[in-house]
Amino acid sequence: MKAWFFLVVPVLALVVFGCGPTGPKTFPVSGTVTWNGAPLEEGEIMFDDEANGAIMDSCKVKGGKFEGKAQAGKKKVRITAMKETGKMDTALNAIGKEQFIPTRYNNATTLTAEVKAGGDNTFTFPMKEKP
C-alpha cells in the first residue's frame, strides 16, 4: 500500500498544481483593418513590444476584422497581407504570392496601440496604398 501511495501522490500533485495558467497575462483585442477604404480580406496583425520590438502577440485578419489576445502595454502594430502574383512558383508548384502592404505598416511600421489591462481594446487601422 505504501508503494501505491508514493506513486499516486506525485501524479495527483502534478494534476492539481501543474494545470494552472502559464505565461504572461493577455487581454482581449479586436478591431478593423482597411486597405484603401475596403476591409482587408486576409492578413495578420502583430502587436510588438514598443520598447524592444519583440513580436509579442498576433492574430489573423479576416474580412477586415481581427480578434485575439495581447499583453498589456504600448505596442508597435505591424500588418501583413499577401496577394497572388499571377506567376508560377516552380519551387512550390503553385501561383506565387507577395507582400503588398507597404513597409510603413509592417517592417518600418508607424502604427501604434496601447493594450490596456482593464479597458476597451478595440482598434481601427485604416491603411492606404499611398500616404
N, C-alpha and C. Protein backbone atom coordinates (compact mmCIF):
# COMPACT_ATOMS: atom_id res chain seq x y z
N MET A 1 0.83 -1.19 0.00
CA MET A 1 0.00 0.00 0.00
C MET A 1 0.88 1.26 0.00
N LYS A 2 2.02 1.25 0.66
CA LYS A 2 2.89 2.41 0.69
C LYS A 2 3.42 2.73 -0.70
N ALA A 3 3.76 1.75 -1.48
CA ALA A 3 4.27 1.97 -2.84
C ALA A 3 3.20 2.66 -3.68
N TRP A 4 1.96 2.24 -3.55
CA TRP A 4 0.85 2.85 -4.29
C TRP A 4 0.71 4.32 -3.90
N PHE A 5 0.83 4.62 -2.62
CA PHE A 5 0.71 5.99 -2.11
C PHE A 5 1.79 6.88 -2.73
N PHE A 6 3.03 6.39 -2.80
CA PHE A 6 4.13 7.18 -3.32
C PHE A 6 4.06 7.36 -4.84
N LEU A 7 3.30 6.56 -5.51
CA LEU A 7 3.08 6.74 -6.95
C LEU A 7 1.91 7.67 -7.23
N VAL A 8 0.86 7.57 -6.47
CA VAL A 8 -0.35 8.35 -6.72
C VAL A 8 -0.20 9.80 -6.28
N VAL A 9 0.42 10.06 -5.14
CA VAL A 9 0.53 11.43 -4.62
C VAL A 9 1.29 12.34 -5.59
N PRO A 10 2.45 11.96 -6.12
CA PRO A 10 3.13 12.86 -7.07
C PRO A 10 2.31 13.13 -8.34
N VAL A 11 1.66 12.11 -8.84
CA VAL A 11 0.84 12.30 -10.05
C VAL A 11 -0.33 13.23 -9.73
N LEU A 12 -0.97 13.04 -8.61
CA LEU A 12 -2.07 13.90 -8.19
C LEU A 12 -1.60 15.33 -7.99
N ALA A 13 -0.42 15.53 -7.44
CA ALA A 13 0.13 16.88 -7.24
C ALA A 13 0.38 17.56 -8.58
N LEU A 14 0.88 16.83 -9.55
CA LEU A 14 1.10 17.41 -10.89
C LEU A 14 -0.22 17.84 -11.52
N VAL A 15 -1.24 17.03 -11.36
CA VAL A 15 -2.54 17.36 -11.94
C VAL A 15 -3.13 18.60 -11.27
N VAL A 16 -3.06 18.66 -9.95
CA VAL A 16 -3.67 19.77 -9.22
C VAL A 16 -2.88 21.06 -9.39
N PHE A 17 -1.56 21.00 -9.25
CA PHE A 17 -0.75 22.20 -9.25
C PHE A 17 -0.14 22.54 -10.61
N GLY A 18 -0.08 21.59 -11.50
CA GLY A 18 0.58 21.82 -12.78
C GLY A 18 -0.35 22.23 -13.90
N CYS A 19 -1.61 22.45 -13.63
CA CYS A 19 -2.56 22.76 -14.68
C CYS A 19 -3.03 24.21 -14.66
N GLY A 20 -2.35 25.05 -13.93
CA GLY A 20 -2.74 26.45 -13.88
C GLY A 20 -2.29 27.19 -15.12
N PRO A 21 -2.76 28.42 -15.30
CA PRO A 21 -2.36 29.21 -16.46
C PRO A 21 -0.86 29.52 -16.40
N THR A 22 -0.23 29.46 -17.55
CA THR A 22 1.20 29.76 -17.62
C THR A 22 1.42 30.89 -18.62
N GLY A 23 2.58 31.49 -18.54
CA GLY A 23 2.93 32.54 -19.47
C GLY A 23 2.39 33.89 -19.03
N PRO A 24 2.71 34.92 -19.81
CA PRO A 24 2.28 36.28 -19.46
C PRO A 24 0.77 36.45 -19.61
N LYS A 25 0.23 37.37 -18.84
CA LYS A 25 -1.21 37.65 -18.88
C LYS A 25 -1.55 38.42 -20.15
N THR A 26 -2.60 37.99 -20.82
CA THR A 26 -3.04 38.65 -22.05
C THR A 26 -4.48 39.14 -21.90
N PHE A 27 -4.85 40.08 -22.77
CA PHE A 27 -6.17 40.70 -22.71
C PHE A 27 -6.79 40.72 -24.10
N PRO A 28 -8.12 40.66 -24.18
CA PRO A 28 -8.77 40.64 -25.49
C PRO A 28 -8.48 41.92 -26.30
N VAL A 29 -8.20 41.72 -27.57
CA VAL A 29 -8.05 42.82 -28.53
C VAL A 29 -8.91 42.49 -29.74
N SER A 30 -9.45 43.52 -30.36
CA SER A 30 -10.26 43.32 -31.56
C SER A 30 -10.28 44.62 -32.35
N GLY A 31 -10.82 44.54 -33.55
CA GLY A 31 -10.93 45.76 -34.32
C GLY A 31 -11.06 45.51 -35.81
N THR A 32 -10.80 46.57 -36.56
CA THR A 32 -10.94 46.52 -38.00
C THR A 32 -9.65 46.99 -38.68
N VAL A 33 -9.42 46.45 -39.86
CA VAL A 33 -8.29 46.82 -40.70
C VAL A 33 -8.82 47.05 -42.10
N THR A 34 -8.56 48.24 -42.65
CA THR A 34 -9.00 48.53 -44.01
C THR A 34 -7.80 48.82 -44.90
N TRP A 35 -7.96 48.53 -46.17
CA TRP A 35 -6.95 48.79 -47.19
C TRP A 35 -7.61 49.60 -48.29
N ASN A 36 -7.17 50.85 -48.46
CA ASN A 36 -7.75 51.76 -49.45
C ASN A 36 -9.26 51.89 -49.28
N GLY A 37 -9.72 51.94 -48.04
CA GLY A 37 -11.13 52.16 -47.74
C GLY A 37 -11.99 50.91 -47.68
N ALA A 38 -11.45 49.75 -48.05
CA ALA A 38 -12.21 48.49 -48.03
C ALA A 38 -11.63 47.56 -46.96
N PRO A 39 -12.45 46.67 -46.42
CA PRO A 39 -11.93 45.73 -45.43
C PRO A 39 -10.79 44.90 -46.02
N LEU A 40 -9.71 44.72 -45.26
CA LEU A 40 -8.61 43.87 -45.69
C LEU A 40 -9.11 42.43 -45.67
N GLU A 41 -9.08 41.77 -46.83
CA GLU A 41 -9.66 40.42 -46.93
C GLU A 41 -9.00 39.42 -45.99
N GLU A 42 -7.67 39.30 -46.09
CA GLU A 42 -6.93 38.37 -45.24
C GLU A 42 -5.57 38.94 -44.93
N GLY A 43 -5.10 38.68 -43.73
CA GLY A 43 -3.78 39.14 -43.33
C GLY A 43 -3.48 38.74 -41.91
N GLU A 44 -2.46 39.38 -41.38
CA GLU A 44 -2.08 39.11 -40.00
C GLU A 44 -1.72 40.44 -39.34
N ILE A 45 -2.09 40.57 -38.07
CA ILE A 45 -1.76 41.76 -37.30
C ILE A 45 -0.92 41.32 -36.11
N MET A 46 0.17 42.05 -35.87
CA MET A 46 1.08 41.71 -34.78
C MET A 46 1.21 42.89 -33.84
N PHE A 47 1.15 42.61 -32.57
CA PHE A 47 1.33 43.62 -31.52
C PHE A 47 2.70 43.38 -30.90
N ASP A 48 3.69 44.19 -31.28
CA ASP A 48 5.07 44.04 -30.82
C ASP A 48 5.33 44.96 -29.64
N ASP A 49 6.20 44.53 -28.76
CA ASP A 49 6.59 45.36 -27.63
C ASP A 49 7.28 46.61 -28.17
N GLU A 50 6.78 47.78 -27.81
CA GLU A 50 7.32 49.04 -28.34
C GLU A 50 8.76 49.28 -27.89
N ALA A 51 9.11 48.82 -26.71
CA ALA A 51 10.45 49.07 -26.17
C ALA A 51 11.53 48.28 -26.89
N ASN A 52 11.29 47.00 -27.14
CA ASN A 52 12.35 46.18 -27.74
C ASN A 52 11.99 45.59 -29.11
N GLY A 53 10.78 45.81 -29.59
CA GLY A 53 10.39 45.35 -30.92
C GLY A 53 10.11 43.87 -31.03
N ALA A 54 10.15 43.14 -29.93
CA ALA A 54 9.89 41.70 -29.98
C ALA A 54 8.43 41.44 -30.33
N ILE A 55 8.22 40.44 -31.19
CA ILE A 55 6.85 40.05 -31.53
C ILE A 55 6.24 39.42 -30.28
N MET A 56 5.19 40.02 -29.82
CA MET A 56 4.57 39.54 -28.59
C MET A 56 3.31 38.73 -28.87
N ASP A 57 2.43 39.27 -29.69
CA ASP A 57 1.14 38.63 -29.92
C ASP A 57 0.70 38.89 -31.35
N SER A 58 -0.02 37.96 -31.93
CA SER A 58 -0.52 38.16 -33.29
C SER A 58 -1.85 37.45 -33.46
N CYS A 59 -2.61 37.89 -34.45
CA CYS A 59 -3.86 37.22 -34.78
C CYS A 59 -4.17 37.46 -36.26
N LYS A 60 -5.06 36.67 -36.78
CA LYS A 60 -5.44 36.73 -38.19
C LYS A 60 -6.45 37.84 -38.42
N VAL A 61 -6.35 38.44 -39.60
CA VAL A 61 -7.34 39.40 -40.07
C VAL A 61 -8.15 38.69 -41.13
N LYS A 62 -9.45 38.72 -41.02
CA LYS A 62 -10.34 38.06 -41.98
C LYS A 62 -11.54 38.97 -42.21
N GLY A 63 -11.78 39.33 -43.45
CA GLY A 63 -12.91 40.20 -43.76
C GLY A 63 -12.81 41.56 -43.09
N GLY A 64 -11.57 42.03 -42.87
CA GLY A 64 -11.36 43.34 -42.26
C GLY A 64 -11.46 43.37 -40.75
N LYS A 65 -11.64 42.21 -40.12
CA LYS A 65 -11.79 42.16 -38.66
C LYS A 65 -10.74 41.24 -38.05
N PHE A 66 -10.35 41.58 -36.84
CA PHE A 66 -9.45 40.71 -36.09
C PHE A 66 -9.93 40.61 -34.66
N GLU A 67 -9.56 39.50 -34.03
CA GLU A 67 -9.93 39.25 -32.65
C GLU A 67 -8.89 38.30 -32.07
N GLY A 68 -8.36 38.65 -30.92
CA GLY A 68 -7.35 37.80 -30.29
C GLY A 68 -7.01 38.30 -28.92
N LYS A 69 -5.78 38.03 -28.49
CA LYS A 69 -5.32 38.47 -27.17
C LYS A 69 -3.91 39.03 -27.31
N ALA A 70 -3.60 40.01 -26.45
CA ALA A 70 -2.28 40.63 -26.45
C ALA A 70 -1.92 41.04 -25.02
N GLN A 71 -0.64 41.13 -24.78
CA GLN A 71 -0.17 41.59 -23.48
C GLN A 71 -0.40 43.10 -23.36
N ALA A 72 -0.58 43.57 -22.15
CA ALA A 72 -0.82 45.00 -21.91
C ALA A 72 0.45 45.80 -22.19
N GLY A 73 0.25 47.05 -22.60
CA GLY A 73 1.36 47.96 -22.81
C GLY A 73 1.30 48.65 -24.15
N LYS A 74 2.28 49.54 -24.37
CA LYS A 74 2.37 50.26 -25.64
C LYS A 74 2.96 49.31 -26.69
N LYS A 75 2.31 49.27 -27.85
CA LYS A 75 2.69 48.32 -28.89
C LYS A 75 2.95 49.01 -30.22
N LYS A 76 3.90 48.46 -30.96
CA LYS A 76 4.04 48.78 -32.37
C LYS A 76 3.16 47.76 -33.07
N VAL A 77 2.38 48.22 -34.02
CA VAL A 77 1.45 47.33 -34.70
C VAL A 77 1.95 47.12 -36.13
N ARG A 78 2.10 45.84 -36.51
CA ARG A 78 2.51 45.50 -37.87
C ARG A 78 1.41 44.70 -38.53
N ILE A 79 1.12 45.03 -39.78
CA ILE A 79 0.08 44.33 -40.53
C ILE A 79 0.69 43.83 -41.83
N THR A 80 0.45 42.57 -42.12
CA THR A 80 0.95 41.97 -43.36
C THR A 80 -0.20 41.31 -44.11
N ALA A 81 -0.05 41.24 -45.43
CA ALA A 81 -1.03 40.55 -46.26
C ALA A 81 -0.37 40.17 -47.58
N MET A 82 -0.77 39.05 -48.13
CA MET A 82 -0.19 38.55 -49.37
C MET A 82 -1.23 38.56 -50.47
N LYS A 83 -0.73 38.73 -51.71
CA LYS A 83 -1.61 38.59 -52.87
C LYS A 83 -0.89 37.75 -53.91
N GLU A 84 -1.66 37.11 -54.77
CA GLU A 84 -1.08 36.28 -55.81
C GLU A 84 -0.41 37.16 -56.86
N THR A 85 0.74 36.69 -57.35
CA THR A 85 1.49 37.44 -58.36
C THR A 85 1.02 37.13 -59.77
N GLY A 86 0.34 36.00 -59.93
CA GLY A 86 -0.06 35.57 -61.27
C GLY A 86 1.02 34.75 -61.95
N LYS A 87 2.19 34.63 -61.31
CA LYS A 87 3.31 33.86 -61.87
C LYS A 87 3.46 32.56 -61.09
N MET A 88 3.84 31.52 -61.83
CA MET A 88 4.03 30.21 -61.21
C MET A 88 5.33 30.17 -60.42
N ASP A 89 5.24 29.72 -59.18
CA ASP A 89 6.43 29.47 -58.36
C ASP A 89 6.77 28.00 -58.56
N THR A 90 7.81 27.74 -59.35
CA THR A 90 8.13 26.35 -59.70
C THR A 90 8.60 25.55 -58.48
N ALA A 91 9.23 26.22 -57.50
CA ALA A 91 9.68 25.52 -56.30
C ALA A 91 8.51 24.98 -55.49
N LEU A 92 7.43 25.73 -55.46
CA LEU A 92 6.24 25.31 -54.71
C LEU A 92 5.19 24.66 -55.59
N ASN A 93 5.38 24.76 -56.90
CA ASN A 93 4.40 24.26 -57.87
C ASN A 93 3.02 24.87 -57.61
N ALA A 94 3.04 26.18 -57.40
CA ALA A 94 1.81 26.92 -57.12
C ALA A 94 2.00 28.36 -57.59
N ILE A 95 0.90 29.09 -57.68
CA ILE A 95 0.96 30.51 -58.02
C ILE A 95 1.68 31.23 -56.88
N GLY A 96 2.66 32.06 -57.22
CA GLY A 96 3.43 32.79 -56.23
C GLY A 96 2.61 33.87 -55.54
N LYS A 97 3.06 34.25 -54.36
CA LYS A 97 2.42 35.31 -53.59
C LYS A 97 3.48 36.31 -53.16
N GLU A 98 3.04 37.55 -52.93
CA GLU A 98 3.95 38.58 -52.45
C GLU A 98 3.24 39.50 -51.47
N GLN A 99 4.04 40.09 -50.59
CA GLN A 99 3.54 41.06 -49.62
C GLN A 99 3.14 42.32 -50.40
N PHE A 100 1.93 42.81 -50.18
CA PHE A 100 1.52 44.03 -50.90
C PHE A 100 1.27 45.22 -49.98
N ILE A 101 1.32 45.01 -48.69
CA ILE A 101 1.15 46.12 -47.75
C ILE A 101 2.50 46.84 -47.65
N PRO A 102 2.53 48.17 -47.80
CA PRO A 102 3.80 48.91 -47.72
C PRO A 102 4.50 48.73 -46.37
N THR A 103 5.82 48.86 -46.39
CA THR A 103 6.62 48.63 -45.18
C THR A 103 6.27 49.60 -44.05
N ARG A 104 5.68 50.75 -44.35
CA ARG A 104 5.33 51.69 -43.27
C ARG A 104 4.24 51.12 -42.36
N TYR A 105 3.63 50.01 -42.79
CA TYR A 105 2.62 49.34 -41.96
C TYR A 105 3.12 48.02 -41.38
N ASN A 106 4.35 47.61 -41.71
CA ASN A 106 4.87 46.36 -41.14
C ASN A 106 6.33 46.50 -40.72
N ASN A 107 7.29 46.24 -41.56
CA ASN A 107 8.70 46.26 -41.13
C ASN A 107 9.15 47.62 -40.59
N ALA A 108 8.68 48.71 -41.17
CA ALA A 108 9.00 50.07 -40.70
C ALA A 108 7.72 50.75 -40.21
N THR A 109 6.97 50.04 -39.40
CA THR A 109 5.62 50.49 -39.02
C THR A 109 5.59 51.86 -38.34
N THR A 110 4.52 52.56 -38.64
CA THR A 110 4.21 53.81 -37.94
C THR A 110 2.95 53.64 -37.09
N LEU A 111 2.38 52.44 -37.12
CA LEU A 111 1.15 52.17 -36.37
C LEU A 111 1.47 51.82 -34.92
N THR A 112 0.65 52.32 -34.01
CA THR A 112 0.82 52.03 -32.59
C THR A 112 -0.54 51.78 -31.94
N ALA A 113 -0.50 51.15 -30.79
CA ALA A 113 -1.71 50.93 -29.99
C ALA A 113 -1.27 50.73 -28.55
N GLU A 114 -2.17 51.04 -27.63
CA GLU A 114 -1.90 50.73 -26.22
C GLU A 114 -2.94 49.74 -25.74
N VAL A 115 -2.48 48.54 -25.43
CA VAL A 115 -3.36 47.50 -24.91
C VAL A 115 -3.46 47.71 -23.41
N LYS A 116 -4.70 47.85 -22.93
CA LYS A 116 -4.93 48.14 -21.51
C LYS A 116 -5.47 46.90 -20.81
N ALA A 117 -5.00 46.72 -19.58
CA ALA A 117 -5.41 45.57 -18.78
C ALA A 117 -6.89 45.61 -18.45
N GLY A 118 -7.44 46.79 -18.23
CA GLY A 118 -8.84 46.87 -17.83
C GLY A 118 -9.66 47.77 -18.71
N GLY A 119 -9.32 47.86 -19.97
CA GLY A 119 -10.04 48.79 -20.83
C GLY A 119 -10.55 48.17 -22.11
N ASP A 120 -11.14 49.02 -22.91
CA ASP A 120 -11.64 48.61 -24.21
C ASP A 120 -10.46 48.59 -25.18
N ASN A 121 -10.13 47.44 -25.69
CA ASN A 121 -9.01 47.28 -26.60
C ASN A 121 -9.51 47.02 -28.02
N THR A 122 -10.35 47.95 -28.49
CA THR A 122 -10.87 47.88 -29.85
C THR A 122 -10.14 48.93 -30.67
N PHE A 123 -9.52 48.49 -31.76
CA PHE A 123 -8.69 49.38 -32.56
C PHE A 123 -9.14 49.39 -34.02
N THR A 124 -8.86 50.52 -34.69
CA THR A 124 -9.15 50.65 -36.12
C THR A 124 -7.85 51.07 -36.80
N PHE A 125 -7.49 50.34 -37.84
CA PHE A 125 -6.27 50.63 -38.58
C PHE A 125 -6.60 50.83 -40.06
N PRO A 126 -6.81 52.09 -40.48
CA PRO A 126 -7.04 52.35 -41.91
C PRO A 126 -5.68 52.50 -42.62
N MET A 127 -5.48 51.71 -43.67
CA MET A 127 -4.23 51.76 -44.41
C MET A 127 -4.53 52.19 -45.85
N LYS A 128 -3.59 52.91 -46.44
CA LYS A 128 -3.72 53.36 -47.83
C LYS A 128 -2.47 53.02 -48.60
N GLU A 129 -2.67 52.77 -49.90
CA GLU A 129 -1.52 52.43 -50.74
C GLU A 129 -0.52 53.59 -50.80
N LYS A 130 -1.05 54.80 -50.93
CA LYS A 130 -0.19 55.99 -50.99
C LYS A 130 -0.50 56.88 -49.78
N PRO A 131 0.57 57.43 -49.16
CA PRO A 131 0.36 58.25 -47.96
C PRO A 131 -0.45 59.51 -48.22
